[in-house]
Amino acid sequence: MSLRRLLLNIAVLLAVAAMVIAGFWQLHRLSERRDRNSTITSRGQLPVVEVQDLVEIDDAYDMADEIEFRLVRAVGVYQPKDQVLIRNRTYQGSAGFWVLTPLRLRSGALVAVNRGWISHGTGTGASPADFASGEGEVEVVGPVRATVTAAGLQQSDPSGGVLAEMARPDLARLSQQLDADLLPIYIQLQAQSPSGGDLPVPVPSPDLGEGAHLAYAVQWFVFAAVAVVGYPLILRRLGRPGDEEAAMDVGV
C-alpha cells in the first residue's frame, strides 16, 4: 500500500469518526432540549405563588436553576429611574432592547421585572422615565428567570458607574446601582394589572419545539454510512487492472 493510499484511508476513517461523533452530539442536544421543555412545561403548570414565598434576598443566584419558569406574583411600585435597557434583543426579526425595571415590593425589597421589548429606534436615547407604566401599585405575574452573566469570551458590563444599558440581565451588576436589596431572580412579565399599555411588548414564552437536532443527527449518520459502504467499493474498483486513470482522477 502506498503512503498516499494509507494517508487517504486514515483521513476517511477520521472523517467517519467525526461524523459519528457529530451525530451523537446532536442526539445529546436533542435530549437536553427535551429535558428543558419538560421542565418548562411542568413548572409552568404549578400554582402561582408570591415571589417572596419562593425566593428570599439572601438566596444565592444559582438557586434560580431550581425554580426557573415557576409562575410568581409580585405586587409593588415600579422604580422607573432605576430601570435599564438590555441591548441586542430581537423580536420578530427586529433589533431592540428589553426593558428591565425594578419593582419595589411591599416588604421594601426589589425584584427586577423584564417588562418586554422595545425597538432599537425607540430605545436609543431614551430617558429613565420612558416606558414607565404610570404611578401607583401594580400586580405582575410571570415566570421566574435566572440572572445571566458573561461567559467564555463575552465581555462583562463595566463594573463602575450607573449603567443605562447592559449587555444581559446580570442581577449582581444591577444591584450595585440600586438603593435596596434585589432578589436573585427576575420576573419575565406575562400579565400586569393595571395594564402598562402597548409598550414594551411582552417577551414571548420560550420555544418548546425540538429544533432540527434529530434531522441533523440522521444526516450525520447517513453520511457516515455512505462513507463506510462507499469507500471500500471505490478502493475495490480502483484495485482492478486498467483503473490507473480512474485512480489518478480521484487522487489515489
C-alpha atoms as a PDB file:
ATOM      1  CA  MET A   1       0.000   0.000   0.000  1.00  0.00           C
ATOM      2  CA  SER A   2       1.386   3.352  -0.996  1.00  0.00           C
ATOM      3  CA  LEU A   3       1.884   6.101   1.562  1.00  0.00           C
ATOM      4  CA  ARG A   4      -0.647   8.183  -0.318  1.00  0.00           C
ATOM      5  CA  ARG A   5      -3.273   5.435  -0.094  1.00  0.00           C
ATOM      6  CA  LEU A   6      -2.522   4.927   3.601  1.00  0.00           C
ATOM      7  CA  LEU A   7      -2.959   8.608   4.361  1.00  0.00           C
ATOM      8  CA  LEU A   8      -6.229   8.653   2.437  1.00  0.00           C
ATOM      9  CA  ASN A   9      -7.505   5.662   4.426  1.00  0.00           C
ATOM     10  CA  ILE A  10      -6.643   7.381   7.678  1.00  0.00           C
ATOM     11  CA  ALA A  11      -8.357  10.592   6.534  1.00  0.00           C
ATOM     12  CA  VAL A  12     -11.532   8.666   5.649  1.00  0.00           C
ATOM     13  CA  LEU A  13     -11.556   6.867   8.998  1.00  0.00           C
ATOM     14  CA  LEU A  14     -11.130  10.169  10.839  1.00  0.00           C
ATOM     15  CA  ALA A  15     -13.924  11.725   8.786  1.00  0.00           C
ATOM     16  CA  VAL A  16     -16.263   8.814   9.595  1.00  0.00           C
ATOM     17  CA  ALA A  17     -15.409   9.078  13.298  1.00  0.00           C
ATOM     18  CA  ALA A  18     -16.078  12.825  13.229  1.00  0.00           C
ATOM     19  CA  MET A  19     -19.461  12.321  11.540  1.00  0.00           C
ATOM     20  CA  VAL A  20     -20.494   9.663  14.083  1.00  0.00           C
ATOM     21  CA  ILE A  21     -19.435  11.933  16.964  1.00  0.00           C
ATOM     22  CA  ALA A  22     -21.393  14.816  15.413  1.00  0.00           C
ATOM     23  CA  GLY A  23     -24.469  12.598  15.137  1.00  0.00           C
ATOM     24  CA  PHE A  24     -24.331  11.568  18.794  1.00  0.00           C
ATOM     25  CA  TRP A  25     -23.708  15.193  19.810  1.00  0.00           C
ATOM     26  CA  GLN A  26     -26.897  16.219  18.026  1.00  0.00           C
ATOM     27  CA  LEU A  27     -28.773  13.448  19.856  1.00  0.00           C
ATOM     28  CA  HIS A  28     -27.352  14.764  23.127  1.00  0.00           C
ATOM     29  CA  ARG A  29     -28.540  18.276  22.252  1.00  0.00           C
ATOM     30  CA  LEU A  30     -31.978  16.840  21.447  1.00  0.00           C
ATOM     31  CA  SER A  31     -32.099  15.118  24.844  1.00  0.00           C
ATOM     32  CA  GLU A  32     -31.144  18.381  26.577  1.00  0.00           C
ATOM     33  CA  ARG A  33     -33.822  20.248  24.633  1.00  0.00           C
ATOM     34  CA  ARG A  34     -36.483  17.700  25.566  1.00  0.00           C
ATOM     35  CA  ASP A  35     -35.475  17.810  29.239  1.00  0.00           C
ATOM     36  CA  ARG A  36     -35.632  21.616  29.217  1.00  0.00           C
ATOM     37  CA  ASN A  37     -39.038  21.613  27.514  1.00  0.00           C
ATOM     38  CA  SER A  38     -40.318  19.126  30.071  1.00  0.00           C
ATOM     39  CA  THR A  39     -39.045  21.314  32.919  1.00  0.00           C
ATOM     40  CA  ILE A  40     -40.634  24.453  31.467  1.00  0.00           C
ATOM     41  CA  THR A  41     -43.969  22.689  30.960  1.00  0.00           C
ATOM     42  CA  SER A  42     -44.125  21.000  34.358  1.00  0.00           C
ATOM     43  CA  ARG A  43     -43.058  24.085  36.340  1.00  0.00           C
ATOM     44  CA  GLY A  44     -45.406  26.311  34.347  1.00  0.00           C
ATOM     45  CA  GLN A  45     -48.352  24.139  35.408  1.00  0.00           C
ATOM     46  CA  LEU A  46     -47.696  24.651  39.128  1.00  0.00           C
ATOM     47  CA  PRO A  47     -49.875  27.162  41.034  1.00  0.00           C
ATOM     48  CA  VAL A  48     -48.851  30.831  41.008  1.00  0.00           C
ATOM     49  CA  VAL A  49     -47.091  31.789  44.255  1.00  0.00           C
ATOM     50  CA  GLU A  50     -45.979  35.046  45.819  1.00  0.00           C
ATOM     51  CA  VAL A  51     -42.435  35.748  44.705  1.00  0.00           C
ATOM     52  CA  GLN A  52     -41.067  36.121  48.234  1.00  0.00           C
ATOM     53  CA  ASP A  53     -42.659  32.814  49.249  1.00  0.00           C
ATOM     54  CA  LEU A  54     -40.380  31.196  46.676  1.00  0.00           C
ATOM     55  CA  VAL A  55     -37.157  33.186  46.896  1.00  0.00           C
ATOM     56  CA  GLU A  56     -35.502  35.298  49.557  1.00  0.00           C
ATOM     57  CA  ILE A  57     -32.994  38.138  49.479  1.00  0.00           C
ATOM     58  CA  ASP A  58     -30.212  36.002  50.961  1.00  0.00           C
ATOM     59  CA  ASP A  59     -30.604  33.171  48.435  1.00  0.00           C
ATOM     60  CA  ALA A  60     -27.705  32.542  46.049  1.00  0.00           C
ATOM     61  CA  TYR A  61     -28.065  33.482  42.400  1.00  0.00           C
ATOM     62  CA  ASP A  62     -27.639  29.875  41.268  1.00  0.00           C
ATOM     63  CA  MET A  63     -30.708  28.775  43.221  1.00  0.00           C
ATOM     64  CA  ALA A  64     -32.782  30.141  40.357  1.00  0.00           C
ATOM     65  CA  ASP A  65     -31.951  26.983  38.410  1.00  0.00           C
ATOM     66  CA  GLU A  66     -34.208  25.065  40.807  1.00  0.00           C
ATOM     67  CA  ILE A  67     -37.234  27.334  40.349  1.00  0.00           C
ATOM     68  CA  GLU A  68     -36.777  28.893  36.902  1.00  0.00           C
ATOM     69  CA  PHE A  69     -40.031  29.059  34.902  1.00  0.00           C
ATOM     70  CA  ARG A  70     -42.202  28.806  38.046  1.00  0.00           C
ATOM     71  CA  LEU A  71     -45.034  31.339  37.832  1.00  0.00           C
ATOM     72  CA  VAL A  72     -44.906  34.006  40.518  1.00  0.00           C
ATOM     73  CA  ARG A  73     -46.933  37.025  41.538  1.00  0.00           C
ATOM     74  CA  ALA A  74     -45.471  40.302  42.774  1.00  0.00           C
ATOM     75  CA  VAL A  75     -47.198  43.464  43.970  1.00  0.00           C
ATOM     76  CA  GLY A  76     -45.326  46.727  44.206  1.00  0.00           C
ATOM     77  CA  VAL A  77     -44.403  50.038  42.628  1.00  0.00           C
ATOM     78  CA  TYR A  78     -42.093  50.354  39.640  1.00  0.00           C
ATOM     79  CA  GLN A  79     -38.880  52.344  40.039  1.00  0.00           C
ATOM     80  CA  PRO A  80     -38.510  53.814  36.510  1.00  0.00           C
ATOM     81  CA  LYS A  81     -35.482  55.912  37.464  1.00  0.00           C
ATOM     82  CA  ASP A  82     -33.562  52.676  38.095  1.00  0.00           C
ATOM     83  CA  GLN A  83     -34.595  50.723  35.005  1.00  0.00           C
ATOM     84  CA  VAL A  84     -32.031  49.660  32.411  1.00  0.00           C
ATOM     85  CA  LEU A  85     -32.232  48.584  28.780  1.00  0.00           C
ATOM     86  CA  ILE A  86     -30.842  45.161  27.858  1.00  0.00           C
ATOM     87  CA  ARG A  87     -29.424  45.595  24.375  1.00  0.00           C
ATOM     88  CA  ASN A  88     -29.187  43.268  21.368  1.00  0.00           C
ATOM     89  CA  ARG A  89     -32.624  41.664  21.803  1.00  0.00           C
ATOM     90  CA  THR A  90     -34.762  40.685  18.845  1.00  0.00           C
ATOM     91  CA  TYR A  91     -38.493  40.348  18.355  1.00  0.00           C
ATOM     92  CA  GLN A  92     -39.996  39.035  15.119  1.00  0.00           C
ATOM     93  CA  GLY A  93     -36.695  39.692  13.354  1.00  0.00           C
ATOM     94  CA  SER A  94     -36.304  43.304  14.549  1.00  0.00           C
ATOM     95  CA  ALA A  95     -33.479  44.563  16.769  1.00  0.00           C
ATOM     96  CA  GLY A  96     -34.200  46.241  20.061  1.00  0.00           C
ATOM     97  CA  PHE A  97     -33.953  46.173  23.850  1.00  0.00           C
ATOM     98  CA  TRP A  98     -35.551  44.552  26.850  1.00  0.00           C
ATOM     99  CA  VAL A  99     -36.814  46.975  29.494  1.00  0.00           C
ATOM    100  CA  LEU A 100     -35.684  45.714  32.907  1.00  0.00           C
ATOM    101  CA  THR A 101     -37.427  47.684  35.666  1.00  0.00           C
ATOM    102  CA  PRO A 102     -37.019  47.179  39.424  1.00  0.00           C
ATOM    103  CA  LEU A 103     -40.312  46.727  41.275  1.00  0.00           C
ATOM    104  CA  ARG A 104     -40.338  47.783  44.921  1.00  0.00           C
ATOM    105  CA  LEU A 105     -42.341  45.194  46.841  1.00  0.00           C
ATOM    106  CA  ARG A 106     -44.415  45.938  49.913  1.00  0.00           C
ATOM    107  CA  SER A 107     -41.612  44.447  52.018  1.00  0.00           C
ATOM    108  CA  GLY A 108     -39.231  47.126  50.703  1.00  0.00           C
ATOM    109  CA  ALA A 109     -37.148  44.669  48.694  1.00  0.00           C
ATOM    110  CA  LEU A 110     -36.778  44.984  44.942  1.00  0.00           C
ATOM    111  CA  VAL A 111     -37.352  42.452  42.185  1.00  0.00           C
ATOM    112  CA  ALA A 112     -36.346  43.110  38.584  1.00  0.00           C
ATOM    113  CA  VAL A 113     -39.119  42.735  36.017  1.00  0.00           C
ATOM    114  CA  ASN A 114     -38.419  42.206  32.329  1.00  0.00           C
ATOM    115  CA  ARG A 115     -41.368  44.252  31.147  1.00  0.00           C
ATOM    116  CA  GLY A 116     -40.800  43.440  27.482  1.00  0.00           C
ATOM    117  CA  TRP A 117     -39.230  44.502  24.203  1.00  0.00           C
ATOM    118  CA  ILE A 118     -38.937  47.880  22.502  1.00  0.00           C
ATOM    119  CA  SER A 119     -37.482  48.605  19.072  1.00  0.00           C
ATOM    120  CA  HIS A 120     -33.927  49.849  18.664  1.00  0.00           C
ATOM    121  CA  GLY A 121     -35.067  53.225  17.384  1.00  0.00           C
ATOM    122  CA  THR A 122     -37.467  53.656  20.279  1.00  0.00           C
ATOM    123  CA  GLY A 123     -34.889  52.756  22.908  1.00  0.00           C
ATOM    124  CA  THR A 124     -31.936  54.785  21.647  1.00  0.00           C
ATOM    125  CA  GLY A 125     -31.557  57.903  23.747  1.00  0.00           C
ATOM    126  CA  ALA A 126     -34.482  57.018  25.987  1.00  0.00           C
ATOM    127  CA  SER A 127     -34.653  58.739  29.355  1.00  0.00           C
ATOM    128  CA  PRO A 128     -35.004  56.674  32.548  1.00  0.00           C
ATOM    129  CA  ALA A 129     -38.661  57.693  32.899  1.00  0.00           C
ATOM    130  CA  ASP A 130     -39.618  56.441  29.419  1.00  0.00           C
ATOM    131  CA  PHE A 131     -41.740  53.303  29.178  1.00  0.00           C
ATOM    132  CA  ALA A 132     -42.867  53.590  32.782  1.00  0.00           C
ATOM    133  CA  SER A 133     -46.318  52.158  33.432  1.00  0.00           C
ATOM    134  CA  GLY A 134     -47.595  55.119  35.367  1.00  0.00           C
ATOM    135  CA  GLU A 135     -47.623  55.698  39.091  1.00  0.00           C
ATOM    136  CA  GLY A 136     -49.074  53.551  41.808  1.00  0.00           C
ATOM    137  CA  GLU A 137     -49.079  49.917  42.771  1.00  0.00           C
ATOM    138  CA  VAL A 138     -49.227  47.165  40.149  1.00  0.00           C
ATOM    139  CA  GLU A 139     -49.579  43.413  40.217  1.00  0.00           C
ATOM    140  CA  VAL A 140     -47.343  41.432  37.867  1.00  0.00           C
ATOM    141  CA  VAL A 141     -47.404  37.732  37.049  1.00  0.00           C
ATOM    142  CA  GLY A 142     -44.791  35.846  35.107  1.00  0.00           C
ATOM    143  CA  PRO A 143     -42.193  33.083  35.161  1.00  0.00           C
ATOM    144  CA  VAL A 144     -39.035  33.252  37.224  1.00  0.00           C
ATOM    145  CA  ARG A 145     -35.889  33.753  35.157  1.00  0.00           C
ATOM    146  CA  ALA A 146     -32.271  33.377  36.211  1.00  0.00           C
ATOM    147  CA  THR A 147     -29.556  36.010  36.142  1.00  0.00           C
ATOM    148  CA  VAL A 148     -27.255  35.943  33.105  1.00  0.00           C
ATOM    149  CA  THR A 149     -23.542  36.667  33.369  1.00  0.00           C
ATOM    150  CA  ALA A 150     -20.761  36.912  30.800  1.00  0.00           C
ATOM    151  CA  ALA A 151     -19.412  33.513  29.741  1.00  0.00           C
ATOM    152  CA  GLY A 152     -16.387  32.435  27.742  1.00  0.00           C
ATOM    153  CA  LEU A 153     -15.055  35.281  25.631  1.00  0.00           C
ATOM    154  CA  GLN A 154     -18.043  37.531  26.322  1.00  0.00           C
ATOM    155  CA  GLN A 155     -17.233  40.935  27.770  1.00  0.00           C
ATOM    156  CA  SER A 156     -18.766  41.895  31.099  1.00  0.00           C
ATOM    157  CA  ASP A 157     -20.521  45.202  31.612  1.00  0.00           C
ATOM    158  CA  PRO A 158     -18.381  47.970  33.186  1.00  0.00           C
ATOM    159  CA  SER A 159     -18.048  47.432  36.923  1.00  0.00           C
ATOM    160  CA  GLY A 160     -18.305  51.118  37.849  1.00  0.00           C
ATOM    161  CA  GLY A 161     -20.851  53.858  37.388  1.00  0.00           C
ATOM    162  CA  VAL A 162     -24.600  53.798  36.798  1.00  0.00           C
ATOM    163  CA  LEU A 163     -25.470  51.936  33.621  1.00  0.00           C
ATOM    164  CA  ALA A 164     -28.432  52.906  31.452  1.00  0.00           C
ATOM    165  CA  GLU A 165     -27.825  49.893  29.210  1.00  0.00           C
ATOM    166  CA  MET A 166     -26.490  46.415  29.900  1.00  0.00           C
ATOM    167  CA  ALA A 167     -25.476  43.532  27.681  1.00  0.00           C
ATOM    168  CA  ARG A 168     -27.506  40.988  29.638  1.00  0.00           C
ATOM    169  CA  PRO A 169     -29.760  40.817  32.738  1.00  0.00           C
ATOM    170  CA  ASP A 170     -26.865  40.497  35.187  1.00  0.00           C
ATOM    171  CA  LEU A 171     -28.635  40.952  38.518  1.00  0.00           C
ATOM    172  CA  ALA A 172     -25.463  41.226  40.583  1.00  0.00           C
ATOM    173  CA  ARG A 173     -24.325  44.152  38.432  1.00  0.00           C
ATOM    174  CA  LEU A 174     -27.778  45.751  38.502  1.00  0.00           C
ATOM    175  CA  SER A 175     -27.924  45.512  42.295  1.00  0.00           C
ATOM    176  CA  GLN A 176     -24.814  47.706  42.552  1.00  0.00           C
ATOM    177  CA  GLN A 177     -26.796  50.752  41.411  1.00  0.00           C
ATOM    178  CA  LEU A 178     -29.940  50.226  43.469  1.00  0.00           C
ATOM    179  CA  ASP A 179     -30.849  51.616  46.891  1.00  0.00           C
ATOM    180  CA  ALA A 180     -32.373  48.403  48.278  1.00  0.00           C
ATOM    181  CA  ASP A 181     -31.779  44.649  48.275  1.00  0.00           C
ATOM    182  CA  LEU A 182     -32.566  42.933  44.959  1.00  0.00           C
ATOM    183  CA  LEU A 183     -33.976  39.410  44.756  1.00  0.00           C
ATOM    184  CA  PRO A 184     -31.592  36.994  42.979  1.00  0.00           C
ATOM    185  CA  ILE A 185     -34.091  36.284  40.182  1.00  0.00           C
ATOM    186  CA  TYR A 186     -36.063  38.386  37.736  1.00  0.00           C
ATOM    187  CA  ILE A 187     -39.635  38.067  36.523  1.00  0.00           C
ATOM    188  CA  GLN A 188     -40.446  37.861  32.836  1.00  0.00           C
ATOM    189  CA  LEU A 189     -43.691  39.813  32.677  1.00  0.00           C
ATOM    190  CA  GLN A 190     -46.630  37.812  31.402  1.00  0.00           C
ATOM    191  CA  ALA A 191     -49.568  39.796  32.774  1.00  0.00           C
ATOM    192  CA  GLN A 192     -49.924  43.078  34.640  1.00  0.00           C
ATOM    193  CA  SER A 193     -52.768  44.877  36.397  1.00  0.00           C
ATOM    194  CA  PRO A 194     -53.373  47.676  35.717  1.00  0.00           C
ATOM    195  CA  SER A 195     -52.091  47.278  32.182  1.00  0.00           C
ATOM    196  CA  GLY A 196     -48.908  49.066  31.159  1.00  0.00           C
ATOM    197  CA  GLY A 197     -50.056  49.896  27.623  1.00  0.00           C
ATOM    198  CA  ASP A 198     -48.760  48.752  24.255  1.00  0.00           C
ATOM    199  CA  LEU A 199     -45.043  49.206  25.038  1.00  0.00           C
ATOM    200  CA  PRO A 200     -42.982  47.371  25.969  1.00  0.00           C
ATOM    201  CA  VAL A 201     -44.149  44.251  24.109  1.00  0.00           C
ATOM    202  CA  PRO A 202     -44.090  41.234  26.490  1.00  0.00           C
ATOM    203  CA  VAL A 203     -41.314  38.768  25.693  1.00  0.00           C
ATOM    204  CA  PRO A 204     -42.770  35.563  24.169  1.00  0.00           C
ATOM    205  CA  SER A 205     -42.699  32.334  26.147  1.00  0.00           C
ATOM    206  CA  PRO A 206     -39.754  30.012  25.439  1.00  0.00           C
ATOM    207  CA  ASP A 207     -39.977  27.971  22.249  1.00  0.00           C
ATOM    208  CA  LEU A 208     -40.898  24.382  23.159  1.00  0.00           C
ATOM    209  CA  GLY A 209     -40.007  22.939  19.761  1.00  0.00           C
ATOM    210  CA  GLU A 210     -37.300  20.302  19.435  1.00  0.00           C
ATOM    211  CA  GLY A 211     -35.420  22.102  16.703  1.00  0.00           C
ATOM    212  CA  ALA A 212     -33.592  20.294  13.912  1.00  0.00           C
ATOM    213  CA  HIS A 213     -31.298  18.204  16.140  1.00  0.00           C
ATOM    214  CA  LEU A 214     -32.861  14.860  15.163  1.00  0.00           C
ATOM    215  CA  ALA A 215     -32.693  15.675  11.451  1.00  0.00           C
ATOM    216  CA  TYR A 216     -29.052  16.738  11.777  1.00  0.00           C
ATOM    217  CA  ALA A 217     -28.206  13.543  13.670  1.00  0.00           C
ATOM    218  CA  VAL A 218     -29.783  11.401  10.948  1.00  0.00           C
ATOM    219  CA  GLN A 219     -27.849  13.314   8.280  1.00  0.00           C
ATOM    220  CA  TRP A 220     -24.518  12.759  10.024  1.00  0.00           C
ATOM    221  CA  PHE A 221     -25.194   9.035  10.478  1.00  0.00           C
ATOM    222  CA  VAL A 222     -26.239   8.725   6.823  1.00  0.00           C
ATOM    223  CA  PHE A 223     -23.047  10.482   5.709  1.00  0.00           C
ATOM    224  CA  ALA A 224     -21.008   8.112   7.873  1.00  0.00           C
ATOM    225  CA  ALA A 225     -22.815   5.074   6.455  1.00  0.00           C
ATOM    226  CA  VAL A 226     -22.240   6.257   2.891  1.00  0.00           C
ATOM    227  CA  ALA A 227     -18.551   6.683   3.605  1.00  0.00           C
ATOM    228  CA  VAL A 228     -18.228   3.259   5.277  1.00  0.00           C
ATOM    229  CA  VAL A 229     -20.017   1.460   2.442  1.00  0.00           C
ATOM    230  CA  GLY A 230     -18.906   3.563  -0.488  1.00  0.00           C
ATOM    231  CA  TYR A 231     -15.195   3.966   0.205  1.00  0.00           C
ATOM    232  CA  PRO A 232     -14.349   0.210   0.131  1.00  0.00           C
ATOM    233  CA  LEU A 233     -16.267  -0.072  -3.148  1.00  0.00           C
ATOM    234  CA  ILE A 234     -14.167   2.728  -4.606  1.00  0.00           C
ATOM    235  CA  LEU A 235     -10.980   1.045  -3.417  1.00  0.00           C
ATOM    236  CA  ARG A 236     -12.102  -2.257  -4.920  1.00  0.00           C
ATOM    237  CA  ARG A 237     -12.834  -0.617  -8.233  1.00  0.00           C
ATOM    238  CA  LEU A 238      -9.519   1.214  -8.229  1.00  0.00           C
ATOM    239  CA  GLY A 239      -7.703  -2.015  -7.468  1.00  0.00           C
ATOM    240  CA  ARG A 240      -8.831  -3.657 -10.700  1.00  0.00           C
ATOM    241  CA  PRO A 241      -6.409  -3.703 -13.676  1.00  0.00           C
ATOM    242  CA  GLY A 242      -6.803  -0.820 -16.054  1.00  0.00           C
ATOM    243  CA  ASP A 243      -8.072   1.581 -13.403  1.00  0.00           C
ATOM    244  CA  GLU A 244      -4.909   3.616 -13.159  1.00  0.00           C
ATOM    245  CA  GLU A 245      -6.584   6.521 -14.915  1.00  0.00           C
ATOM    246  CA  ALA A 246      -9.539   6.397 -12.538  1.00  0.00           C
ATOM    247  CA  ALA A 247      -7.158   6.329  -9.607  1.00  0.00           C
ATOM    248  CA  MET A 248      -5.453   9.465 -10.869  1.00  0.00           C
ATOM    249  CA  ASP A 249      -8.856  11.173 -11.252  1.00  0.00           C
ATOM    250  CA  VAL A 250      -9.658  10.733  -7.518  1.00  0.00           C
ATOM    251  CA  GLY A 251      -6.111  11.485  -6.398  1.00  0.00           C
ATOM    252  CA  VAL A 252      -5.307   7.995  -5.062  1.00  0.00           C
END
